[in-house]
Protein backbone atom coordinates (compact mmCIF):
# COMPACT_ATOMS: atom_id res chain seq x y z
CA UNK A 1 -27.16 122.23 67.95
CA UNK A 2 -26.87 119.00 70.00
CA UNK A 3 -24.07 117.78 67.44
CA UNK A 4 -22.06 121.06 68.30
CA UNK A 5 -22.88 121.04 72.46
CA UNK A 6 -21.52 116.94 72.30
CA UNK A 7 -18.49 118.26 70.24
CA UNK A 8 -17.70 120.98 72.79
CA UNK A 9 -18.21 118.62 75.68
CA UNK A 10 -15.92 116.40 73.94
CA UNK A 11 -13.59 119.00 73.39
CA UNK A 12 -13.78 119.76 77.05
CA UNK A 13 -13.07 116.71 78.23
CA UNK A 14 -10.23 115.77 76.12
CA UNK A 15 -8.57 118.99 77.39
CA UNK A 16 -9.58 117.81 81.26
CA UNK A 17 -7.89 114.18 80.49
CA UNK A 18 -4.82 114.90 78.60
CA UNK A 19 -2.27 114.70 80.79
CA UNK A 20 0.18 117.82 80.36
CA UNK A 21 2.85 117.82 77.80
CA UNK A 22 5.96 117.39 79.87
CA UNK A 23 4.59 114.23 81.50
CA UNK A 24 4.38 112.63 77.84
CA UNK A 25 7.90 114.16 77.30
CA UNK A 26 9.35 112.80 80.21
CA UNK A 27 7.92 109.06 79.83
CA UNK A 28 8.80 108.99 76.24
CA UNK A 29 12.33 110.18 77.67
CA UNK A 30 12.67 107.65 79.85
CA UNK A 31 11.42 104.90 77.96
CA UNK A 32 14.25 106.27 75.41
CA UNK A 33 16.91 106.35 78.51
CA UNK A 34 16.59 102.60 79.36
CA UNK A 35 16.92 101.41 75.78
CA UNK A 36 20.14 103.45 75.12
CA UNK A 37 21.55 102.60 78.76
CA UNK A 38 21.54 99.04 77.72
CA UNK A 39 23.21 99.57 74.89
CA UNK A 40 26.53 100.47 77.13
CA UNK A 41 25.63 99.77 80.54
CA UNK A 42 27.36 96.12 80.31
CA UNK A 43 30.53 97.10 78.81
CA UNK A 44 32.16 97.81 82.14
CA UNK A 45 30.81 94.09 83.08
CA UNK A 46 32.05 92.10 80.85
CA UNK A 47 35.08 90.78 82.61
CA UNK A 48 33.00 89.43 85.14
CA UNK A 49 30.51 88.06 82.93
CA UNK A 50 33.19 86.02 81.58
CA UNK A 51 34.43 84.87 84.54
CA UNK A 52 31.02 83.75 85.98
CA UNK A 53 29.71 82.25 83.07
CA UNK A 54 32.85 81.29 81.00
CA UNK A 55 32.58 83.05 78.02
CA UNK A 56 35.10 83.24 75.29
CA UNK A 57 36.65 86.80 74.02
CA UNK A 58 34.16 86.68 71.10
CA UNK A 59 31.12 85.89 73.54
CA UNK A 60 32.15 89.09 75.20
CA UNK A 61 31.16 90.97 72.16
CA UNK A 62 28.07 89.05 71.34
CA UNK A 63 26.93 90.05 74.96
CA UNK A 64 26.97 93.57 73.19
CA UNK A 65 26.06 92.87 69.95
CA UNK A 66 23.26 90.48 70.32
CA UNK A 67 21.35 93.28 71.83
CA UNK A 68 22.36 95.77 69.09
CA UNK A 69 21.79 93.45 66.23
CA UNK A 70 18.10 92.73 67.35
CA UNK A 71 17.46 96.36 68.19
CA UNK A 72 18.52 97.44 64.35
CA UNK A 73 17.05 94.87 62.75
CA UNK A 74 13.57 94.78 63.92
CA UNK A 75 13.38 98.64 64.84
CA UNK A 76 12.00 99.49 61.58
CA UNK A 77 8.99 96.64 62.58
CA UNK A 78 8.68 98.42 65.49
CA UNK A 79 8.33 101.71 63.98
CA UNK A 80 5.39 100.41 61.63
CA UNK A 81 4.21 98.95 64.18
CA UNK A 82 3.21 101.99 65.73
CA UNK A 83 1.94 103.44 62.94
CA UNK A 84 -0.56 100.52 62.52
CA UNK A 85 -1.71 99.76 66.03
CA UNK A 86 -0.92 102.60 67.96
CA UNK A 87 2.32 104.28 69.66
CA UNK A 88 1.14 104.03 72.94
CA UNK A 89 0.30 100.46 72.49
CA UNK A 90 3.86 99.56 71.09
CA UNK A 91 5.41 101.59 73.67
CA UNK A 92 4.02 99.60 76.57
CA UNK A 93 4.40 95.99 74.66
CA UNK A 94 7.95 97.15 74.02
CA UNK A 95 8.43 98.20 77.75
CA UNK A 96 6.78 94.87 78.82
CA UNK A 97 9.12 92.78 76.69
CA UNK A 98 12.01 94.58 77.42
CA UNK A 99 11.95 94.73 81.36
CA UNK A 100 10.67 90.71 81.24
CA UNK A 101 14.33 89.78 79.20
CA UNK A 102 16.21 91.84 81.49
CA UNK A 103 15.33 89.75 84.42
CA UNK A 104 15.96 86.49 82.10
CA UNK A 105 19.40 88.22 81.83
CA UNK A 106 20.21 88.97 85.24
CA UNK A 107 18.76 85.44 86.33
CA UNK A 108 20.99 83.52 83.55
CA UNK A 109 22.87 80.72 84.68
CA UNK A 110 24.96 79.73 81.11
CA UNK A 111 26.46 82.20 78.42
CA UNK A 112 24.01 81.14 75.95
CA UNK A 113 20.95 82.36 78.45
CA UNK A 114 22.52 85.77 78.69
CA UNK A 115 22.71 86.03 75.17
CA UNK A 116 18.98 84.86 74.31
CA UNK A 117 18.02 87.31 76.92
CA UNK A 118 20.29 90.47 75.50
CA UNK A 119 18.48 89.22 72.44
CA UNK A 120 15.01 89.37 73.66
CA UNK A 121 15.81 92.92 75.50
CA UNK A 122 17.01 94.20 71.75
CA UNK A 123 13.57 92.77 70.38
CA UNK A 124 11.52 94.72 72.98
CA UNK A 125 13.80 97.79 72.64
CA UNK A 126 13.08 97.68 68.89
CA UNK A 127 9.29 98.03 69.65
CA UNK A 128 9.77 100.82 72.29
CA UNK A 129 12.33 103.25 70.84
CA UNK A 130 10.43 104.12 67.84
CA UNK A 131 7.32 105.29 69.75
CA UNK A 132 9.31 107.48 72.01
CA UNK A 133 10.08 109.88 69.46
CA UNK A 134 6.96 109.96 67.93
CA UNK A 135 4.87 110.04 70.99
CA UNK A 136 6.93 113.17 71.69
CA UNK A 137 6.46 114.67 68.33
CA UNK A 138 2.96 114.04 68.60
CA UNK A 139 2.54 115.74 71.97
CA UNK A 140 4.61 119.22 71.16
CA UNK A 141 3.79 121.48 68.08
CA UNK A 142 6.03 122.32 64.92
CA UNK A 143 8.49 125.02 65.88
CA UNK A 144 10.85 125.87 68.46
CA UNK A 145 9.12 123.97 71.36
CA UNK A 146 9.24 120.65 69.42
CA UNK A 147 13.07 121.39 68.49
CA UNK A 148 13.58 121.57 71.98
CA UNK A 149 11.58 118.59 72.81
CA UNK A 150 13.77 116.51 70.57
CA UNK A 151 16.84 118.12 71.53
CA UNK A 152 15.87 116.75 75.47
CA UNK A 153 14.86 113.33 73.59
CA UNK A 154 18.32 113.34 72.14
CA UNK A 155 20.15 114.23 75.10
CA UNK A 156 18.49 111.93 77.55
CA UNK A 157 19.03 109.40 74.96
CA UNK A 158 22.85 110.10 74.60
CA UNK A 159 23.09 110.66 78.22
CA UNK A 160 21.80 106.90 78.91
CA UNK A 161 24.33 105.35 76.63
CA UNK A 162 27.01 107.50 78.40
CA UNK A 163 25.62 107.07 81.72
CA UNK A 164 26.25 103.18 81.00
CA UNK A 165 29.58 103.01 82.41
CA UNK A 166 28.85 104.70 85.42
CA UNK A 167 25.85 102.78 86.22
CA UNK A 168 27.52 99.67 85.37
CA UNK A 169 30.60 100.71 87.37
CA UNK A 170 28.38 100.97 90.62
CA UNK A 171 26.31 98.29 90.40
CA UNK A 172 29.07 96.04 89.34
CA UNK A 173 31.61 96.96 92.47
CA UNK A 174 28.15 97.34 94.62
CA UNK A 175 26.08 93.92 94.08
CA UNK A 176 27.12 92.05 91.03
CA UNK A 177 27.10 92.07 87.33
CA UNK A 178 23.67 90.40 87.46
CA UNK A 179 22.22 93.72 88.53
CA UNK A 180 23.03 95.82 85.10
CA UNK A 181 20.09 94.12 83.89
CA UNK A 182 18.16 92.97 86.90
CA UNK A 183 18.09 96.86 87.61
CA UNK A 184 15.75 97.18 84.98
CA UNK A 185 13.16 95.45 86.23
CA UNK A 186 11.94 97.76 89.22
CA UNK A 187 12.55 100.99 87.04
CA UNK A 188 10.56 99.42 84.01
CA UNK A 189 7.89 98.65 86.25
CA UNK A 190 7.67 101.96 87.39
CA UNK A 191 7.41 103.26 83.84
CA UNK A 192 5.14 101.01 82.51
CA UNK A 193 2.96 101.88 85.07
CA UNK A 194 3.32 105.61 84.72
CA UNK A 195 2.50 105.21 80.76
CA UNK A 196 -0.78 103.46 81.03
CA UNK A 197 -1.99 106.30 83.15
CA UNK A 198 0.28 109.27 81.85
CA UNK A 199 0.20 108.67 78.16
CA UNK A 200 -2.92 110.00 76.40
CA UNK A 201 -4.90 107.65 73.93
CA UNK A 202 -4.54 108.06 69.59
CA UNK A 203 -7.16 110.25 69.69
CA UNK A 204 -6.05 112.76 72.09
CA UNK A 205 -2.24 112.54 70.82
CA UNK A 206 -3.57 113.53 67.76
CA UNK A 207 -5.38 116.21 68.62
CA UNK A 208 -2.57 117.66 71.12
CA UNK A 209 0.19 117.44 68.30
CA UNK A 210 -2.47 118.92 65.62
CA UNK A 211 -2.22 116.43 63.35
CA UNK A 212 -3.30 112.88 62.84
CA UNK A 213 -0.22 110.79 63.33
CA UNK A 214 -1.97 107.44 64.00
CA UNK A 215 -2.85 104.80 61.57
CA UNK A 216 -5.68 102.43 62.45
CA UNK A 217 -5.48 98.69 61.40
CA UNK A 218 -8.56 99.45 59.48
CA UNK A 219 -6.61 100.16 56.34
CA UNK A 220 -5.43 96.35 55.27
CA UNK A 221 -1.87 97.56 56.14
CA UNK A 222 0.23 94.57 57.51
CA UNK A 223 3.34 94.52 59.49
CA UNK A 224 5.82 93.13 56.91
CA UNK A 225 7.64 90.49 58.93
CA UNK A 226 9.53 88.57 56.42
CA UNK A 227 11.04 91.84 56.05
CA UNK A 228 11.90 92.13 59.52
CA UNK A 229 13.22 88.67 59.52
CA UNK A 230 15.87 89.33 56.72
CA UNK A 231 17.33 92.65 57.59
CA UNK A 232 17.99 91.41 61.00
CA UNK A 233 19.77 87.65 59.67
CA UNK A 234 21.62 89.67 57.27
CA UNK A 235 22.90 92.20 60.03
CA UNK A 236 23.57 89.29 62.01
CA UNK A 237 25.49 87.15 59.48
CA UNK A 238 27.48 90.13 58.47
CA UNK A 239 28.68 90.73 61.84
CA UNK A 240 29.62 87.35 62.26
CA UNK A 241 31.46 87.40 59.28
CA UNK A 242 33.36 90.46 60.12
CA UNK A 243 34.12 89.22 63.84
CA UNK A 244 35.18 85.75 62.02
CA UNK A 245 38.26 87.46 60.29
CA UNK A 246 39.65 88.00 63.72
CA UNK A 247 40.49 84.16 64.11
CA UNK A 248 40.42 83.31 60.57
CA UNK A 249 41.29 86.00 58.05
CA UNK A 250 39.50 87.12 55.19
CA UNK A 251 40.01 84.36 52.52
CA UNK A 252 38.93 81.33 54.85
CA UNK A 253 35.17 79.93 54.41
CA UNK A 254 34.39 80.41 57.93
CA UNK A 255 34.54 84.25 57.07
CA UNK A 256 33.54 84.56 53.42
CA UNK A 257 30.28 81.97 53.98
CA UNK A 258 28.73 84.25 56.42
CA UNK A 259 29.64 87.59 54.69
CA UNK A 260 28.21 86.61 51.47
CA UNK A 261 24.57 85.12 52.89
CA UNK A 262 24.36 88.53 55.08
CA UNK A 263 25.01 89.97 51.59
CA UNK A 264 22.47 87.99 50.36
CA UNK A 265 19.80 88.26 52.50
CA UNK A 266 20.15 92.05 52.43
CA UNK A 267 19.90 92.07 49.09
CA UNK A 268 16.51 89.70 48.99
CA UNK A 269 15.71 92.39 51.81
CA UNK A 270 15.76 94.92 49.19
CA UNK A 271 13.87 92.66 46.45
CA UNK A 272 11.10 91.84 48.82
CA UNK A 273 10.38 95.50 50.18
CA UNK A 274 10.16 96.43 46.31
CA UNK A 275 7.46 94.25 45.54
CA UNK A 276 5.31 93.84 48.56
CA UNK A 277 2.06 95.93 49.02
CA UNK A 278 2.87 96.61 52.65
CA UNK A 279 6.62 96.75 52.18
CA UNK A 280 8.21 97.29 55.97
CA UNK A 281 10.26 100.30 54.53
CA UNK A 282 8.86 102.05 51.67
CA UNK A 283 11.87 102.55 49.24
CA UNK A 284 9.97 105.59 48.02
CA UNK A 285 11.01 107.36 51.73
CA UNK A 286 14.43 107.28 50.50
CA UNK A 287 13.87 109.11 47.53
CA UNK A 288 13.83 112.06 49.88
CA UNK A 289 17.01 113.43 50.01
CA UNK A 290 16.69 114.60 54.05
CA UNK A 291 15.81 110.84 54.74
CA UNK A 292 18.42 109.46 52.86
CA UNK A 293 20.92 111.52 53.61
CA UNK A 294 20.48 111.98 57.22
CA UNK A 295 20.31 108.31 57.80
CA UNK A 296 23.27 107.56 55.64
CA UNK A 297 25.25 110.37 57.92
CA UNK A 298 24.44 108.42 61.01
CA UNK A 299 24.93 105.51 60.36
CA UNK A 300 28.51 106.32 59.21
CA UNK A 301 28.70 108.87 62.56
CA UNK A 302 27.00 105.10 64.88
CA UNK A 303 29.79 103.04 63.35
CA UNK A 304 32.39 104.93 64.59
CA UNK A 305 30.99 106.57 68.05
CA UNK A 306 29.46 103.17 69.41
CA UNK A 307 32.59 101.79 69.81
CA UNK A 308 34.38 104.22 72.08
CA UNK A 309 32.61 102.97 75.53
CA UNK A 310 33.49 99.67 74.71
CA UNK A 311 37.52 100.43 74.42
CA UNK A 312 37.38 103.04 76.73
CA UNK A 313 36.09 100.69 79.47
CA UNK A 314 38.35 98.09 78.14
CA UNK A 315 41.47 100.52 78.10
CA UNK A 316 40.51 101.65 81.58
CA UNK A 317 40.50 98.30 83.40
CA UNK A 318 42.79 96.17 81.18
CA UNK A 319 45.57 98.61 81.05
CA UNK A 320 45.11 101.56 83.38
CA UNK A 321 43.83 99.03 86.31
CA UNK A 322 40.74 100.84 86.96
CA UNK A 323 37.81 99.17 88.88
CA UNK A 324 34.45 99.01 87.16
CA UNK A 325 33.44 101.62 89.56
CA UNK A 326 36.51 104.11 88.90
CA UNK A 327 35.99 103.29 85.24
CA UNK A 328 32.68 104.50 85.14
CA UNK A 329 33.38 108.04 87.43
CA UNK A 330 36.25 108.33 84.77
CA UNK A 331 33.84 108.84 81.97
CA UNK A 332 31.25 111.38 83.69
CA UNK A 333 32.88 114.19 82.16
CA UNK A 334 32.29 112.77 79.16
CA UNK A 335 28.84 111.77 79.74
CA UNK A 336 28.02 115.18 80.93
CA UNK A 337 29.44 116.54 77.65
CA UNK A 338 27.35 114.24 75.22
CA UNK A 339 24.51 116.10 76.93
CA UNK A 340 25.66 119.70 76.71
CA UNK A 341 26.37 118.96 72.97
CA UNK A 342 22.60 117.66 72.42
CA UNK A 343 21.33 120.98 74.26
CA UNK A 344 23.68 123.32 72.15
CA UNK A 345 22.49 121.97 69.17
CA UNK A 346 19.00 123.45 68.76
CA UNK A 347 20.42 126.98 69.98
CA UNK A 348 22.72 126.96 67.28
CA UNK A 349 21.10 125.40 64.26
CA UNK A 350 18.76 128.48 63.51
CA UNK A 351 21.75 130.68 62.81
CA UNK A 352 23.91 128.00 61.49
CA UNK A 353 21.55 125.63 60.09
CA UNK A 354 20.98 121.93 60.73
CA UNK A 355 23.79 120.32 57.89
CA UNK A 356 26.47 123.21 59.31
CA UNK A 357 25.81 121.65 63.01
CA UNK A 358 26.19 118.07 62.36
CA UNK A 359 29.23 118.48 60.46
CA UNK A 360 30.69 120.87 62.77
CA UNK A 361 30.01 118.22 65.56
CA UNK A 362 31.11 115.36 63.83
CA UNK A 363 34.86 117.19 63.43
CA UNK A 364 34.77 118.22 66.64
CA UNK A 365 34.05 113.94 67.46
CA UNK A 366 37.01 113.04 64.96
CA UNK A 367 39.57 115.47 66.55
CA UNK A 368 38.80 113.91 70.16
CA UNK A 369 39.37 110.25 68.29
CA UNK A 370 42.80 111.35 66.93
CA UNK A 371 43.58 112.58 70.04
CA UNK A 372 42.47 109.35 71.72
CA UNK A 373 44.18 107.06 69.40
CA UNK A 374 47.63 108.65 71.11
CA UNK A 375 46.92 106.77 74.56
CA UNK A 376 49.84 105.31 76.04
CA UNK A 377 50.03 102.06 79.05
CA UNK A 378 50.94 105.37 81.26
CA UNK A 379 48.79 107.71 80.44
CA UNK A 380 47.82 110.59 82.77
CA UNK A 381 44.06 110.81 83.17
CA UNK A 382 43.30 114.87 82.06
CA UNK A 383 45.28 113.92 78.50
CA UNK A 384 44.34 110.39 77.79
CA UNK A 385 40.47 109.66 79.10
CA UNK A 386 39.04 112.92 80.09
CA UNK A 387 39.90 115.93 77.34
CA UNK A 388 39.29 113.57 74.43
CA UNK A 389 36.63 112.08 75.99
CA UNK A 390 34.74 115.21 76.35
CA UNK A 391 35.60 116.04 72.74
CA UNK A 392 34.50 112.87 71.05
CA UNK A 393 31.17 113.14 73.08
CA UNK A 394 30.79 116.90 72.45
CA UNK A 395 31.13 116.05 68.97
CA UNK A 396 28.25 113.28 69.20
CA UNK A 397 25.56 115.43 70.93
CA UNK A 398 26.08 118.33 68.39
CA UNK A 399 25.61 115.80 64.90
CA UNK A 400 22.65 113.73 66.55
CA UNK A 401 20.28 116.44 67.19
CA UNK A 402 20.14 117.67 63.83
CA UNK A 403 20.68 114.56 61.86
CA UNK A 404 17.51 112.97 63.56
CA UNK A 405 15.67 116.46 63.20
CA UNK A 406 16.22 116.28 59.32
CA UNK A 407 15.61 112.39 59.01
CA UNK A 408 12.32 113.11 60.21
CA UNK A 409 11.37 116.44 58.31
CA UNK A 410 9.69 115.30 55.60
CA UNK A 411 7.94 112.56 56.45
CA UNK A 412 4.54 111.99 55.86
CA UNK A 413 2.47 111.58 59.46
CA UNK A 414 1.42 108.10 58.63
CA UNK A 415 5.50 107.21 58.25
CA UNK A 416 6.35 109.10 61.25
CA UNK A 417 6.93 105.74 63.07
CA UNK A 418 9.07 104.36 60.13
CA UNK A 419 11.10 107.37 60.10
CA UNK A 420 12.04 107.54 63.56
CA UNK A 421 12.43 104.10 63.50
CA UNK A 422 14.70 104.25 60.35
CA UNK A 423 17.10 106.73 62.26
CA UNK A 424 17.49 104.71 65.00
CA UNK A 425 17.97 101.64 62.97
CA UNK A 426 20.60 103.55 60.95
CA UNK A 427 22.68 104.56 64.11
CA UNK A 428 22.31 101.23 65.74
CA UNK A 429 23.14 99.25 62.67
CA UNK A 430 26.16 101.12 62.08
CA UNK A 431 27.28 100.91 65.68
CA UNK A 432 26.76 97.00 65.81
CA UNK A 433 28.72 96.23 62.25
CA UNK A 434 31.12 99.10 63.21
CA UNK A 435 32.00 97.63 66.82
CA UNK A 436 32.70 94.00 64.80
CA UNK A 437 34.57 95.97 62.38
CA UNK A 438 36.82 98.15 64.91
CA UNK A 439 37.59 95.07 67.34
CA UNK A 440 38.61 93.09 64.48
CA UNK A 441 41.08 96.08 63.79
CA UNK A 442 42.10 96.09 67.47
CA UNK A 443 42.70 92.21 67.73
CA UNK A 444 44.60 92.56 64.65
CA UNK A 445 46.88 94.93 65.51
CA UNK A 446 47.25 93.35 69.20
CA UNK A 447 48.22 89.99 67.39
CA UNK A 448 47.17 87.73 70.04
CA UNK A 449 49.81 89.17 72.57
CA UNK A 450 48.20 89.95 75.67
CA UNK A 451 50.53 92.56 77.32
CA UNK A 452 49.37 96.31 78.37
CA UNK A 453 51.34 97.67 75.58
CA UNK A 454 49.64 95.42 72.84
CA UNK A 455 46.32 96.20 74.18
CA UNK A 456 46.86 99.55 73.80
CA UNK A 457 48.10 99.68 70.42
CA UNK A 458 44.91 97.72 69.39
CA UNK A 459 42.51 100.09 71.01
CA UNK A 460 44.79 103.07 69.56
CA UNK A 461 44.20 101.79 65.86
CA UNK A 462 40.53 101.29 66.80
CA UNK A 463 40.38 104.92 67.76
CA UNK A 464 42.37 105.99 65.06
CA UNK A 465 40.31 104.34 62.46
CA UNK A 466 37.26 105.73 63.64
CA UNK A 467 38.82 109.33 63.47
CA UNK A 468 39.06 108.80 59.68
CA UNK A 469 35.88 107.23 59.41
CA UNK A 470 34.45 110.22 60.93
CA UNK A 471 36.41 112.74 58.68
CA UNK A 472 34.78 110.50 56.09
CA UNK A 473 31.08 111.49 57.51
CA UNK A 474 31.68 114.98 57.32
CA UNK A 475 32.59 115.37 53.79
CA UNK A 476 29.20 112.86 53.15
CA UNK A 477 27.23 115.35 55.10
CA UNK A 478 28.67 118.27 53.24
CA UNK A 479 27.95 117.06 50.08
CA UNK A 480 24.75 115.22 50.73
CA UNK A 481 22.56 116.60 53.66
CA UNK A 482 20.01 119.38 52.99
CA UNK A 483 21.26 123.02 54.41
CA UNK A 484 18.25 123.15 56.96
CA UNK A 485 15.11 121.11 58.11
CA UNK A 486 12.43 121.80 55.70
CA UNK A 487 9.43 123.41 56.42
CA UNK A 488 5.81 122.10 56.55
């Protein structure tokens, strides 16, 4: 009887001490917003960074890719760390590292200092991002409520990427490029304090979500640091090799050596994972059709979508003569469209199915990319920027929610952090490699010419190639994705 009374008292105390679900969702979404915002917020600040720090043209690309590659390469490690050591703990650690690195980047005096800070930001984001989704799914029971919560998470993340141009433009025009990084410091500190108080401990999380999603450290599992280093190094080498093709060509040793090294490192990563007792990415997880197909689709989609903001902001400033603020304002309709698409997806998924919604979103985005590829030197805002931008990002929002839902639908509870980290990794890894490829495509078409016409031709070619890639992605989704989210 005494034990029964203690159980009742513990249950009552848990109910009293567990914060409302909306608080957990809000904090998780705030963390995701910061992570995704910093993928794109620097785009409108790139010209100012180059002038202030003396960065080269390839160096500007690495301001974006240093963050994206560290983010993608260590996200699997971050997801596993959340499973082993607790979602809340890893959320706080990742957010703290992200905030400190933002301070270092904002105070950078040399180009290498900025790139190092961006890589550290990416590492912090890799630890933080997987925990945002698993915190949310643990707090909300399965069913329609969880689908709406995931849609909100997706919309906030997509909105963070889309709002980067506007936020960056406001900060660069009103203050300086340094504030696109420094603004993360006070915001990160507030979210950090709120999360320390507002996110429940592991035991309360598991009770609220109806399942035990935490894995303690007592089961003997360890973090696979060699695997994380191999996949990150391989990704960085591949991206560097792709960038080298712009200046050296595909047959040059300066290109072939890093490309081959990258492939070897990725191969070693797979070999290590196949033999490791505690692999970073259990290859058996990829035997689940929903996991493997959704991640492949997200990789292809990210390869095309990620470069949109990069090239749009360059086109607006370098060709049409927009200021950083005007460029950010010009992309507001696109920002709203991606949020709208993310919110529409869960409303359509029950009737149409997750696969069909993902395909529909991808085709809508492909149409927008095709339209954008008709850009001209003297294009008008409605037909050259606003309408194609709306199509591109409406489609991106529609596709992202069902892919995220499919990717996590069949994962075992102990692999929840890994599954969410994997889908984020696929999107960001595809984006970083896609940006390297599309930048090379644009530079090849430009041919070293600096005129507005030449730049426009290069940007248009990048959008054209991205549209073709999305069409291929739609075919991949039709052939491989399961028709609906698996029921548990």
